[in-house]
Amino acid sequence: MVPNPMKAALEQVLKRAQRALDDIMDITGPAETIGVGQGWTGSVAQDTYDHSLAPAANDISTSRTDLITDIETSLGAMDDLVPEDVAELMQAELNSR
């Protein structure tokens, strides 16, 4: 038995996703600042915030959480070790991508 190359590759995807998602961690903060701040005033600005900015920020935040959860769930379902011949096939598939 040898280490599962698919699991190792997915662990790298998780690390990259976490780093990328950290960059947009507080996407709701700027949207809320615009929504309640002095930058925009009036009914059109509030309508834009309510119907465009706030929902988009919420969607991004929710998607961020879902992505990490999906990757972690997939990792948890993978075997740490696989037979060598299976690992070779997995590695060949990874190399072809």
Protein backbone atom coordinates (compact mmCIF):
# COMPACT_ATOMS: atom_id res chain seq x y z
CA MET A 1 0.00 0.00 0.00
CA VAL A 2 1.16 3.53 -0.85
CA PRO A 3 -0.13 7.04 -0.17
CA ASN A 4 -3.24 7.96 -2.16
CA PRO A 5 -2.16 10.48 -4.82
CA MET A 6 -5.73 11.71 -5.33
CA LYS A 7 -5.99 12.55 -1.64
CA ALA A 8 -2.67 14.39 -1.76
CA ALA A 9 -3.85 16.36 -4.80
CA LEU A 10 -7.17 17.21 -3.15
CA GLU A 11 -5.34 18.34 0.00
CA GLN A 12 -3.45 20.81 -2.20
CA VAL A 13 -6.74 21.99 -3.70
CA LEU A 14 -8.06 22.53 -0.17
CA LYS A 15 -5.02 24.60 0.80
CA ARG A 16 -5.30 26.74 -2.33
CA ALA A 17 -9.05 27.18 -1.85
CA GLN A 18 -8.57 28.21 1.78
CA ARG A 19 -5.93 30.78 0.80
CA ALA A 20 -8.09 32.17 -1.99
CA LEU A 21 -11.15 32.26 0.19
CA ASP A 22 -9.26 34.02 2.96
CA ASP A 23 -8.71 36.82 0.46
CA ILE A 24 -12.46 37.33 0.17
CA MET A 25 -13.29 36.42 3.77
CA ASP A 26 -15.03 39.66 4.60
CA ILE A 27 -16.88 40.36 1.38
CA THR A 28 -20.00 41.26 3.33
CA GLY A 29 -18.20 44.03 5.24
CA PRO A 30 -17.73 46.37 2.27
CA ALA A 31 -21.24 45.68 1.02
CA GLU A 32 -22.67 46.52 4.44
CA THR A 33 -20.56 49.67 4.65
CA ILE A 34 -21.93 50.84 1.33
CA GLY A 35 -25.44 49.88 2.36
CA VAL A 36 -25.49 51.78 5.65
CA GLY A 37 -22.65 54.22 5.10
CA GLN A 38 -22.48 57.74 3.77
CA GLY A 39 -21.15 56.66 0.39
CA TRP A 40 -24.57 56.14 -1.07
CA THR A 41 -27.79 57.87 -0.17
CA GLY A 42 -31.30 57.78 -1.50
CA SER A 43 -33.81 55.16 -2.49
CA VAL A 44 -31.97 54.02 -5.64
CA ALA A 45 -28.80 53.38 -3.65
CA GLN A 46 -30.72 51.46 -0.99
CA ASP A 47 -32.55 49.47 -3.66
CA THR A 48 -29.24 48.60 -5.35
CA TYR A 49 -27.81 47.48 -2.03
CA ASP A 50 -30.90 45.47 -1.06
CA HIS A 51 -31.36 43.74 -4.40
CA SER A 52 -27.82 43.46 -5.79
CA LEU A 53 -24.94 44.00 -3.38
CA ALA A 54 -26.25 42.31 -0.24
CA PRO A 55 -27.53 39.17 -2.01
CA ALA A 56 -24.30 38.85 -4.02
CA ALA A 57 -22.17 39.20 -0.88
CA ASN A 58 -24.31 36.61 0.87
CA ASP A 59 -24.05 34.22 -2.08
CA ILE A 60 -20.26 34.54 -2.12
CA SER A 61 -20.04 33.97 1.62
CA THR A 62 -22.29 30.90 1.46
CA SER A 63 -20.46 29.47 -1.56
CA ARG A 64 -17.13 29.92 0.23
CA THR A 65 -18.32 27.83 3.14
CA ASP A 66 -19.92 25.20 0.90
CA LEU A 67 -16.76 24.81 -1.19
CA ILE A 68 -14.53 24.14 1.80
CA THR A 69 -17.09 21.75 3.29
CA ASP A 70 -17.38 19.81 0.02
CA ILE A 71 -13.61 19.43 -0.28
CA GLU A 72 -13.26 18.35 3.36
CA THR A 73 -16.09 15.84 2.96
CA SER A 74 -14.44 14.37 -0.13
CA LEU A 75 -11.11 14.13 1.66
CA GLY A 76 -12.73 12.35 4.58
CA ALA A 77 -14.18 9.73 2.24
CA MET A 78 -10.81 8.91 0.64
CA ASP A 79 -8.47 6.18 1.80
CA ASP A 80 -5.07 7.33 3.00
CA LEU A 81 -3.39 4.33 1.39
CA VAL A 82 -4.19 2.51 -1.84
CA PRO A 83 -2.62 -0.42 -3.67
CA GLU A 84 0.41 0.58 -5.72
CA ASP A 85 -1.18 -0.27 -9.05
CA VAL A 86 -4.24 1.84 -8.20
CA ALA A 87 -1.97 4.71 -7.15
CA GLU A 88 -0.15 4.51 -10.49
CA LEU A 89 -3.46 4.77 -12.36
CA MET A 90 -4.55 7.68 -10.18
CA GLN A 91 -1.26 9.47 -10.75
CA ALA A 92 -1.53 8.91 -14.51
CA GLU A 93 -5.01 10.46 -14.43
CA LEU A 94 -3.74 13.43 -12.42
CA ASN A 95 -0.85 13.91 -14.84
CA SER A 96 -3.23 13.96 -17.80
CA ARG A 97 -5.17 16.92 -16.43
